[in-house]
Amino acid sequence: MENPYPWAEEAGCAVTVCDTEGTILYMNEKARAAFAKHGDLIGRNLFDCHNERSRGMIRRMLATGGTNAYTIEKQGTRKMIYQTAWKERGEVRGLVEISMEIPAEMPHYIRK
């Protein structure tokens, strides 16, 4: 099967895509490497590996077409996690998560 997300393979961040049922459709190499200890997750369901609070957030984003963004630190590496609904012709078709490493201190600019 041809990769429907060719741009994501060489992106400098981890990209994971699921459908409206939470089934993982795609993970780029960075995402696969981040979760390698769990085996091949493509075809598995997001709801199976998240707690109830996270499952609620996933359901909300799928229902509303919403977005969730936050930062984490794991083993000394800081990351920004951006999760948002993806759509086709205005209809929510699933979620995409982009996880990118960020520096401990990062400039913040206010633009007019």
N, C-alpha and C. Protein backbone atom coordinates (compact mmCIF):
# COMPACT_ATOMS: atom_id res chain seq x y z
N MET A 1 0.84 -1.19 0.00
CA MET A 1 0.00 0.00 0.00
C MET A 1 0.88 1.25 0.00
N GLU A 2 0.53 2.20 -0.81
CA GLU A 2 1.27 3.45 -0.89
C GLU A 2 1.05 4.28 0.38
N ASN A 3 2.12 4.90 0.85
CA ASN A 3 2.05 5.74 2.05
C ASN A 3 1.17 6.96 1.76
N PRO A 4 0.04 7.11 2.48
CA PRO A 4 -0.82 8.27 2.25
C PRO A 4 -0.27 9.55 2.88
N TYR A 5 0.82 9.44 3.63
CA TYR A 5 1.40 10.60 4.32
C TYR A 5 2.90 10.69 4.01
N PRO A 6 3.29 10.82 2.75
CA PRO A 6 4.72 10.81 2.42
C PRO A 6 5.49 11.96 3.07
N TRP A 7 4.85 13.09 3.29
CA TRP A 7 5.51 14.23 3.93
C TRP A 7 5.97 13.89 5.34
N ALA A 8 5.27 12.99 6.01
CA ALA A 8 5.54 12.71 7.42
C ALA A 8 6.79 11.85 7.63
N GLU A 9 7.18 11.06 6.65
CA GLU A 9 8.31 10.16 6.85
C GLU A 9 9.61 10.91 7.15
N GLU A 10 9.81 12.04 6.52
CA GLU A 10 11.05 12.78 6.72
C GLU A 10 10.86 14.02 7.58
N ALA A 11 9.71 14.14 8.22
CA ALA A 11 9.48 15.26 9.13
C ALA A 11 10.34 15.08 10.37
N GLY A 12 10.73 16.16 10.99
CA GLY A 12 11.58 16.11 12.17
C GLY A 12 10.79 15.88 13.45
N CYS A 13 9.68 15.17 13.36
CA CYS A 13 8.85 14.91 14.53
C CYS A 13 8.14 13.56 14.34
N ALA A 14 7.60 13.05 15.43
CA ALA A 14 6.85 11.80 15.37
C ALA A 14 5.41 12.12 14.95
N VAL A 15 4.87 11.35 14.02
CA VAL A 15 3.51 11.57 13.52
C VAL A 15 2.75 10.25 13.62
N THR A 16 1.59 10.31 14.28
CA THR A 16 0.70 9.15 14.40
C THR A 16 -0.69 9.58 13.95
N VAL A 17 -1.36 8.74 13.17
CA VAL A 17 -2.69 9.04 12.64
C VAL A 17 -3.63 7.89 13.00
N CYS A 18 -4.82 8.24 13.49
CA CYS A 18 -5.84 7.21 13.76
C CYS A 18 -7.14 7.60 13.08
N ASP A 19 -8.06 6.63 12.99
CA ASP A 19 -9.37 6.89 12.42
C ASP A 19 -10.36 7.26 13.52
N THR A 20 -11.63 7.39 13.19
CA THR A 20 -12.65 7.84 14.16
C THR A 20 -12.94 6.81 15.24
N GLU A 21 -12.52 5.58 15.05
CA GLU A 21 -12.71 4.54 16.06
C GLU A 21 -11.49 4.42 16.98
N GLY A 22 -10.42 5.18 16.66
CA GLY A 22 -9.20 5.11 17.45
C GLY A 22 -8.18 4.12 16.93
N THR A 23 -8.46 3.49 15.80
CA THR A 23 -7.53 2.53 15.21
C THR A 23 -6.36 3.27 14.57
N ILE A 24 -5.15 2.89 14.93
CA ILE A 24 -3.96 3.54 14.39
C ILE A 24 -3.78 3.13 12.93
N LEU A 25 -3.78 4.13 12.05
CA LEU A 25 -3.64 3.91 10.61
C LEU A 25 -2.21 4.06 10.13
N TYR A 26 -1.46 4.94 10.80
CA TYR A 26 -0.13 5.28 10.31
C TYR A 26 0.74 5.80 11.45
N MET A 27 2.01 5.43 11.41
CA MET A 27 3.03 5.99 12.29
C MET A 27 4.29 6.17 11.44
N ASN A 28 4.89 7.36 11.50
CA ASN A 28 6.14 7.52 10.76
C ASN A 28 7.26 6.84 11.55
N GLU A 29 8.47 6.83 10.99
CA GLU A 29 9.58 6.12 11.62
C GLU A 29 9.86 6.63 13.04
N LYS A 30 9.82 7.95 13.25
CA LYS A 30 10.08 8.49 14.59
C LYS A 30 9.02 7.99 15.59
N ALA A 31 7.78 7.94 15.19
CA ALA A 31 6.72 7.46 16.08
C ALA A 31 6.89 5.96 16.34
N ARG A 32 7.21 5.19 15.29
CA ARG A 32 7.43 3.75 15.49
C ARG A 32 8.59 3.51 16.44
N ALA A 33 9.66 4.30 16.31
CA ALA A 33 10.83 4.15 17.19
C ALA A 33 10.47 4.50 18.63
N ALA A 34 9.66 5.53 18.82
CA ALA A 34 9.29 5.96 20.17
C ALA A 34 8.49 4.88 20.91
N PHE A 35 7.73 4.10 20.18
CA PHE A 35 6.87 3.08 20.80
C PHE A 35 7.30 1.66 20.44
N ALA A 36 8.55 1.48 20.01
CA ALA A 36 9.04 0.18 19.54
C ALA A 36 8.88 -0.91 20.58
N LYS A 37 9.04 -0.58 21.85
CA LYS A 37 8.94 -1.61 22.90
C LYS A 37 7.54 -2.22 22.98
N HIS A 38 6.55 -1.55 22.37
CA HIS A 38 5.17 -2.06 22.38
C HIS A 38 4.84 -2.87 21.13
N GLY A 39 5.82 -3.02 20.24
CA GLY A 39 5.59 -3.76 19.00
C GLY A 39 4.93 -2.88 17.95
N ASP A 40 4.46 -3.51 16.90
CA ASP A 40 3.81 -2.80 15.80
C ASP A 40 2.42 -2.36 16.26
N LEU A 41 2.20 -1.06 16.35
CA LEU A 41 0.91 -0.54 16.84
C LEU A 41 -0.08 -0.24 15.72
N ILE A 42 0.36 -0.28 14.48
CA ILE A 42 -0.55 0.00 13.38
C ILE A 42 -1.62 -1.09 13.35
N GLY A 43 -2.88 -0.65 13.34
CA GLY A 43 -4.01 -1.57 13.39
C GLY A 43 -4.53 -1.76 14.80
N ARG A 44 -3.77 -1.32 15.80
CA ARG A 44 -4.23 -1.42 17.20
C ARG A 44 -5.01 -0.16 17.56
N ASN A 45 -5.71 -0.22 18.68
CA ASN A 45 -6.58 0.88 19.07
C ASN A 45 -5.97 1.76 20.14
N LEU A 46 -6.06 3.09 19.94
CA LEU A 46 -5.55 4.06 20.92
C LEU A 46 -6.19 3.90 22.29
N PHE A 47 -7.45 3.56 22.31
CA PHE A 47 -8.17 3.46 23.58
C PHE A 47 -7.58 2.37 24.49
N ASP A 48 -6.95 1.36 23.89
CA ASP A 48 -6.38 0.27 24.67
C ASP A 48 -5.13 0.67 25.45
N CYS A 49 -4.47 1.76 25.03
CA CYS A 49 -3.21 2.13 25.69
C CYS A 49 -3.27 3.50 26.37
N HIS A 50 -4.48 3.96 26.67
CA HIS A 50 -4.65 5.23 27.37
C HIS A 50 -5.55 5.05 28.59
N ASN A 51 -5.35 5.91 29.58
CA ASN A 51 -6.21 5.86 30.77
C ASN A 51 -7.56 6.52 30.47
N GLU A 52 -8.47 6.45 31.42
CA GLU A 52 -9.83 6.94 31.18
C GLU A 52 -9.86 8.44 30.89
N ARG A 53 -9.03 9.22 31.59
CA ARG A 53 -8.97 10.66 31.33
C ARG A 53 -8.56 10.92 29.88
N SER A 54 -7.52 10.24 29.42
CA SER A 54 -7.04 10.42 28.05
C SER A 54 -8.07 9.93 27.04
N ARG A 55 -8.74 8.82 27.33
CA ARG A 55 -9.78 8.31 26.43
C ARG A 55 -10.89 9.34 26.27
N GLY A 56 -11.23 10.02 27.37
CA GLY A 56 -12.25 11.07 27.31
C GLY A 56 -11.82 12.22 26.40
N MET A 57 -10.55 12.58 26.49
CA MET A 57 -10.04 13.66 25.63
C MET A 57 -10.06 13.24 24.16
N ILE A 58 -9.69 12.00 23.90
CA ILE A 58 -9.72 11.48 22.53
C ILE A 58 -11.16 11.51 22.00
N ARG A 59 -12.10 11.04 22.81
CA ARG A 59 -13.52 11.05 22.40
C ARG A 59 -14.00 12.48 22.11
N ARG A 60 -13.59 13.43 22.98
CA ARG A 60 -14.01 14.83 22.80
C ARG A 60 -13.47 15.38 21.48
N MET A 61 -12.19 15.14 21.20
CA MET A 61 -11.62 15.65 19.96
C MET A 61 -12.29 15.03 18.74
N LEU A 62 -12.60 13.75 18.81
CA LEU A 62 -13.28 13.09 17.69
C LEU A 62 -14.70 13.64 17.51
N ALA A 63 -15.38 13.93 18.61
CA ALA A 63 -16.75 14.43 18.54
C ALA A 63 -16.83 15.89 18.09
N THR A 64 -15.86 16.69 18.51
CA THR A 64 -15.93 18.13 18.26
C THR A 64 -15.00 18.62 17.16
N GLY A 65 -14.07 17.78 16.74
CA GLY A 65 -13.05 18.24 15.79
C GLY A 65 -12.01 19.09 16.48
N GLY A 66 -11.85 18.90 17.78
CA GLY A 66 -10.99 19.74 18.60
C GLY A 66 -9.52 19.41 18.57
N THR A 67 -8.79 20.13 19.44
CA THR A 67 -7.34 20.06 19.53
C THR A 67 -6.92 19.98 20.99
N ASN A 68 -5.79 19.34 21.25
CA ASN A 68 -5.20 19.25 22.58
C ASN A 68 -3.69 19.43 22.41
N ALA A 69 -3.09 20.30 23.22
CA ALA A 69 -1.65 20.54 23.13
C ALA A 69 -1.06 20.64 24.53
N TYR A 70 0.12 20.06 24.72
CA TYR A 70 0.79 20.12 26.02
C TYR A 70 2.26 19.77 25.83
N THR A 71 3.05 19.98 26.88
CA THR A 71 4.46 19.59 26.85
C THR A 71 4.70 18.52 27.90
N ILE A 72 5.71 17.69 27.65
CA ILE A 72 6.11 16.65 28.59
C ILE A 72 7.63 16.64 28.70
N GLU A 73 8.11 16.01 29.74
CA GLU A 73 9.54 15.73 29.84
C GLU A 73 9.67 14.27 30.22
N LYS A 74 10.48 13.54 29.45
CA LYS A 74 10.67 12.11 29.66
C LYS A 74 12.14 11.79 29.47
N GLN A 75 12.76 11.25 30.48
CA GLN A 75 14.18 10.89 30.44
C GLN A 75 15.04 12.07 29.99
N GLY A 76 14.72 13.27 30.52
CA GLY A 76 15.50 14.46 30.23
C GLY A 76 15.22 15.13 28.90
N THR A 77 14.30 14.58 28.12
CA THR A 77 13.94 15.16 26.83
C THR A 77 12.56 15.80 26.92
N ARG A 78 12.51 17.07 26.55
CA ARG A 78 11.23 17.80 26.54
C ARG A 78 10.59 17.66 25.17
N LYS A 79 9.27 17.50 25.17
CA LYS A 79 8.53 17.38 23.91
C LYS A 79 7.25 18.19 23.98
N MET A 80 6.85 18.69 22.83
CA MET A 80 5.53 19.27 22.68
C MET A 80 4.68 18.25 21.96
N ILE A 81 3.49 18.00 22.51
CA ILE A 81 2.54 17.07 21.91
C ILE A 81 1.37 17.89 21.39
N TYR A 82 1.06 17.73 20.11
CA TYR A 82 -0.06 18.44 19.49
C TYR A 82 -0.97 17.39 18.87
N GLN A 83 -2.19 17.33 19.37
CA GLN A 83 -3.17 16.37 18.89
C GLN A 83 -4.36 17.14 18.32
N THR A 84 -4.78 16.76 17.14
CA THR A 84 -5.90 17.47 16.53
C THR A 84 -6.67 16.55 15.59
N ALA A 85 -7.94 16.87 15.41
CA ALA A 85 -8.75 16.11 14.46
C ALA A 85 -8.27 16.40 13.04
N TRP A 86 -8.32 15.38 12.19
CA TRP A 86 -8.10 15.61 10.77
C TRP A 86 -9.43 15.35 10.06
N LYS A 87 -9.65 16.09 9.00
CA LYS A 87 -10.94 16.07 8.33
C LYS A 87 -10.78 15.87 6.83
N GLU A 88 -11.84 15.36 6.24
CA GLU A 88 -11.99 15.31 4.78
C GLU A 88 -13.33 15.94 4.46
N ARG A 89 -13.31 16.95 3.61
CA ARG A 89 -14.52 17.69 3.21
C ARG A 89 -15.33 18.11 4.44
N GLY A 90 -14.63 18.58 5.48
CA GLY A 90 -15.28 19.11 6.67
C GLY A 90 -15.72 18.07 7.69
N GLU A 91 -15.58 16.79 7.38
CA GLU A 91 -16.00 15.72 8.29
C GLU A 91 -14.79 15.14 9.02
N VAL A 92 -14.91 15.03 10.36
CA VAL A 92 -13.83 14.45 11.15
C VAL A 92 -13.62 13.01 10.72
N ARG A 93 -12.37 12.69 10.39
CA ARG A 93 -12.02 11.33 9.94
C ARG A 93 -11.09 10.62 10.91
N GLY A 94 -10.62 11.36 11.94
CA GLY A 94 -9.73 10.76 12.92
C GLY A 94 -8.90 11.82 13.60
N LEU A 95 -7.79 11.39 14.18
CA LEU A 95 -6.88 12.30 14.88
C LEU A 95 -5.47 12.14 14.35
N VAL A 96 -4.69 13.20 14.46
CA VAL A 96 -3.27 13.14 14.18
C VAL A 96 -2.56 13.69 15.41
N GLU A 97 -1.48 13.01 15.80
CA GLU A 97 -0.64 13.48 16.89
C GLU A 97 0.74 13.77 16.34
N ILE A 98 1.24 14.96 16.64
CA ILE A 98 2.60 15.34 16.27
C ILE A 98 3.36 15.57 17.57
N SER A 99 4.46 14.85 17.73
CA SER A 99 5.30 14.95 18.92
C SER A 99 6.68 15.42 18.49
N MET A 100 7.10 16.57 19.02
CA MET A 100 8.40 17.12 18.62
C MET A 100 9.24 17.46 19.82
N GLU A 101 10.54 17.16 19.72
CA GLU A 101 11.46 17.53 20.79
C GLU A 101 11.63 19.04 20.78
N ILE A 102 11.66 19.62 22.00
CA ILE A 102 11.86 21.05 22.14
C ILE A 102 12.96 21.31 23.16
N PRO A 103 13.65 22.44 23.04
CA PRO A 103 14.69 22.75 24.02
C PRO A 103 14.10 23.11 25.38
N ALA A 104 14.91 22.99 26.43
CA ALA A 104 14.46 23.32 27.78
C ALA A 104 14.03 24.78 27.86
N GLU A 105 14.78 25.65 27.24
CA GLU A 105 14.42 27.07 27.17
C GLU A 105 14.16 27.39 25.71
N MET A 106 13.04 28.05 25.48
CA MET A 106 12.65 28.31 24.11
C MET A 106 12.17 29.74 23.98
N PRO A 107 12.59 30.47 22.96
CA PRO A 107 12.10 31.85 22.79
C PRO A 107 10.59 31.86 22.56
N HIS A 108 9.97 32.90 23.03
CA HIS A 108 8.54 33.13 22.80
C HIS A 108 8.40 34.55 22.26
N TYR A 109 7.80 34.70 21.10
CA TYR A 109 7.67 35.99 20.47
C TYR A 109 6.21 36.40 20.41
N ILE A 110 5.97 37.67 20.65
CA ILE A 110 4.63 38.24 20.46
C ILE A 110 4.71 39.11 19.23
N ARG A 111 3.90 38.79 18.25
CA ARG A 111 3.93 39.50 16.99
C ARG A 111 2.65 40.32 16.82
N LYS A 112 2.82 41.45 16.17
CA LYS A 112 1.66 42.31 15.92
C LYS A 112 1.34 42.32 14.46
